[in-house]
Structure formats: C-alpha cells, structure tokens
C-alpha cells in the first residue's frame, strides 16, 4: 500500500491516470480510469465524495487531454478525504 502525505498521494494517483493517449480499450477507458482511481483510493483508505456528473465531466476532460495533471490533482483533493 502506498503511504505518504496527502499531496504526494494525490500526485501519485494523477500520474497513474494521466495517460489518455495510451488507452488499451476501444471503448470504456474513462470508466476504467474512474474504477481504477476509486479502487486505488479505497485501498489507501481514502474515500471519493464526488457527484456522478462531476466525475463524468472530469474523466471526459481527462480522456480528451483537456485536464492537466495539476487540475486533476486539484479535483481529487477537492473530492476525496482520508478515512
């Protein structure tokens, strides 16, 4: 399990998800990113508190390359908490 301060943790997850050009599937990549991201959070004792529309918009932007790593990290910081 990855254990570190919150900012390092958020940076780690955004690094893992910031790869829209390397998607392995023809369809379902945004859902896969979201599922992997939330699983990663859960395994590290974080909870995601984001309304479904906000999550959908964020991952649409990620897939389109319109969401920078810094903005994705800020989105996760805003929508998740430890515990």
C-alpha atoms as a PDB file:
ATOM      1  CA  UNK A   1       0.000   0.000   0.000  1.00  0.00           C
ATOM      2  CA  UNK A   2       1.179   3.493  -0.803  1.00  0.00           C
ATOM      3  CA  UNK A   3       1.602   5.531   2.378  1.00  0.00           C
ATOM      4  CA  UNK A   4       2.650   9.163   2.298  1.00  0.00           C
ATOM      5  CA  UNK A   5       1.365  12.658   2.850  1.00  0.00           C
ATOM      6  CA  UNK A   6      -1.887  13.597   1.132  1.00  0.00           C
ATOM      7  CA  UNK A   7      -0.308  15.740  -1.595  1.00  0.00           C
ATOM      8  CA  UNK A   8       2.151  13.014  -2.585  1.00  0.00           C
ATOM      9  CA  UNK A   9      -0.685  10.507  -2.649  1.00  0.00           C
ATOM     10  CA  UNK A  10      -2.829  12.689  -4.884  1.00  0.00           C
ATOM     11  CA  UNK A  11       0.127  13.306  -7.206  1.00  0.00           C
ATOM     12  CA  UNK A  12       0.689   9.556  -7.399  1.00  0.00           C
ATOM     13  CA  UNK A  13      -2.866   8.797  -8.466  1.00  0.00           C
ATOM     14  CA  UNK A  14      -2.928  11.593 -11.020  1.00  0.00           C
ATOM     15  CA  UNK A  15       0.300  10.264 -12.537  1.00  0.00           C
ATOM     16  CA  UNK A  16      -1.324   6.864 -12.926  1.00  0.00           C
ATOM     17  CA  UNK A  17      -4.425   8.259 -14.637  1.00  0.00           C
ATOM     18  CA  UNK A  18      -2.806  10.933 -16.789  1.00  0.00           C
ATOM     19  CA  UNK A  19      -2.328   8.797 -19.891  1.00  0.00           C
ATOM     20  CA  UNK A  20      -5.232   9.393 -22.310  1.00  0.00           C
ATOM     21  CA  UNK A  21      -3.123   8.637 -25.380  1.00  0.00           C
ATOM     22  CA  UNK A  22      -2.224   5.150 -24.129  1.00  0.00           C
ATOM     23  CA  UNK A  23      -5.700   3.732 -23.601  1.00  0.00           C
ATOM     24  CA  UNK A  24      -5.833  -0.047 -24.103  1.00  0.00           C
ATOM     25  CA  UNK A  25      -9.536  -0.379 -24.967  1.00  0.00           C
ATOM     26  CA  UNK A  26     -11.636   0.718 -27.919  1.00  0.00           C
ATOM     27  CA  UNK A  27     -14.381   1.776 -25.506  1.00  0.00           C
ATOM     28  CA  UNK A  28     -14.734   2.048 -21.725  1.00  0.00           C
ATOM     29  CA  UNK A  29     -11.448   3.758 -20.963  1.00  0.00           C
ATOM     30  CA  UNK A  30     -12.977   6.588 -18.924  1.00  0.00           C
ATOM     31  CA  UNK A  31     -14.973   4.103 -16.856  1.00  0.00           C
ATOM     32  CA  UNK A  32     -11.842   2.000 -16.399  1.00  0.00           C
ATOM     33  CA  UNK A  33      -9.830   5.044 -15.270  1.00  0.00           C
ATOM     34  CA  UNK A  34     -12.556   6.016 -12.825  1.00  0.00           C
ATOM     35  CA  UNK A  35     -12.850   2.469 -11.436  1.00  0.00           C
ATOM     36  CA  UNK A  36      -9.085   2.056 -11.055  1.00  0.00           C
ATOM     37  CA  UNK A  37      -8.806   5.502  -9.457  1.00  0.00           C
ATOM     38  CA  UNK A  38     -11.534   4.830  -6.907  1.00  0.00           C
ATOM     39  CA  UNK A  39     -10.129   1.372  -6.154  1.00  0.00           C
ATOM     40  CA  UNK A  40      -6.682   2.908  -5.601  1.00  0.00           C
ATOM     41  CA  UNK A  41      -8.233   5.451  -3.244  1.00  0.00           C
ATOM     42  CA  UNK A  42     -10.118   2.762  -1.317  1.00  0.00           C
ATOM     43  CA  UNK A  43      -7.052   0.539  -0.947  1.00  0.00           C
ATOM     44  CA  UNK A  44      -5.238   3.504   0.564  1.00  0.00           C
ATOM     45  CA  UNK A  45      -8.099   4.353   2.925  1.00  0.00           C
ATOM     46  CA  UNK A  46      -9.394   7.378   1.019  1.00  0.00           C
ATOM     47  CA  UNK A  47     -12.999   7.992   0.027  1.00  0.00           C
ATOM     48  CA  UNK A  48     -14.183   9.784  -3.051  1.00  0.00           C
ATOM     49  CA  UNK A  49     -17.042  12.210  -2.483  1.00  0.00           C
ATOM     50  CA  UNK A  50     -17.864  13.444  -5.964  1.00  0.00           C
ATOM     51  CA  UNK A  51     -21.276  13.728  -7.547  1.00  0.00           C
ATOM     52  CA  UNK A  52     -21.583  11.403 -10.538  1.00  0.00           C
ATOM     53  CA  UNK A  53     -21.922  14.281 -13.057  1.00  0.00           C
ATOM     54  CA  UNK A  54     -18.761  15.957 -11.692  1.00  0.00           C
ATOM     55  CA  UNK A  55     -16.807  12.704 -12.003  1.00  0.00           C
ATOM     56  CA  UNK A  56     -18.100  12.113 -15.530  1.00  0.00           C
ATOM     57  CA  UNK A  57     -17.092  15.607 -16.618  1.00  0.00           C
ATOM     58  CA  UNK A  58     -13.630  15.318 -15.053  1.00  0.00           C
ATOM     59  CA  UNK A  59     -12.893  11.992 -16.736  1.00  0.00           C
ATOM     60  CA  UNK A  60     -14.285  13.187 -20.079  1.00  0.00           C
ATOM     61  CA  UNK A  61     -11.828  16.080 -19.899  1.00  0.00           C
ATOM     62  CA  UNK A  62      -9.025  13.697 -18.905  1.00  0.00           C
ATOM     63  CA  UNK A  63      -9.730  11.459 -21.893  1.00  0.00           C
ATOM     64  CA  UNK A  64      -9.831  14.445 -24.238  1.00  0.00           C
ATOM     65  CA  UNK A  65      -6.474  15.683 -22.951  1.00  0.00           C
ATOM     66  CA  UNK A  66      -8.120  18.861 -21.626  1.00  0.00           C
ATOM     67  CA  UNK A  67      -7.386  18.210 -17.955  1.00  0.00           C
ATOM     68  CA  UNK A  68      -3.821  18.848 -16.833  1.00  0.00           C
ATOM     69  CA  UNK A  69      -2.165  16.776 -14.138  1.00  0.00           C
ATOM     70  CA  UNK A  70      -2.323  19.747 -11.762  1.00  0.00           C
ATOM     71  CA  UNK A  71      -6.050  20.242 -12.394  1.00  0.00           C
ATOM     72  CA  UNK A  72      -6.751  16.522 -11.955  1.00  0.00           C
ATOM     73  CA  UNK A  73      -4.820  16.577  -8.665  1.00  0.00           C
ATOM     74  CA  UNK A  74      -6.857  19.595  -7.538  1.00  0.00           C
ATOM     75  CA  UNK A  75     -10.077  17.779  -8.484  1.00  0.00           C
ATOM     76  CA  UNK A  76      -9.083  14.755  -6.394  1.00  0.00           C
ATOM     77  CA  UNK A  77      -8.044  16.967  -3.459  1.00  0.00           C
ATOM     78  CA  UNK A  78     -11.440  18.638  -3.575  1.00  0.00           C
ATOM     79  CA  UNK A  79     -13.410  15.398  -3.836  1.00  0.00           C
ATOM     80  CA  UNK A  80     -11.684  12.897  -1.551  1.00  0.00           C
ATOM     81  CA  UNK A  81     -10.755  12.539   2.091  1.00  0.00           C
ATOM     82  CA  UNK A  82      -8.875  10.119   4.318  1.00  0.00           C
ATOM     83  CA  UNK A  83     -10.977   7.552   6.135  1.00  0.00           C
END
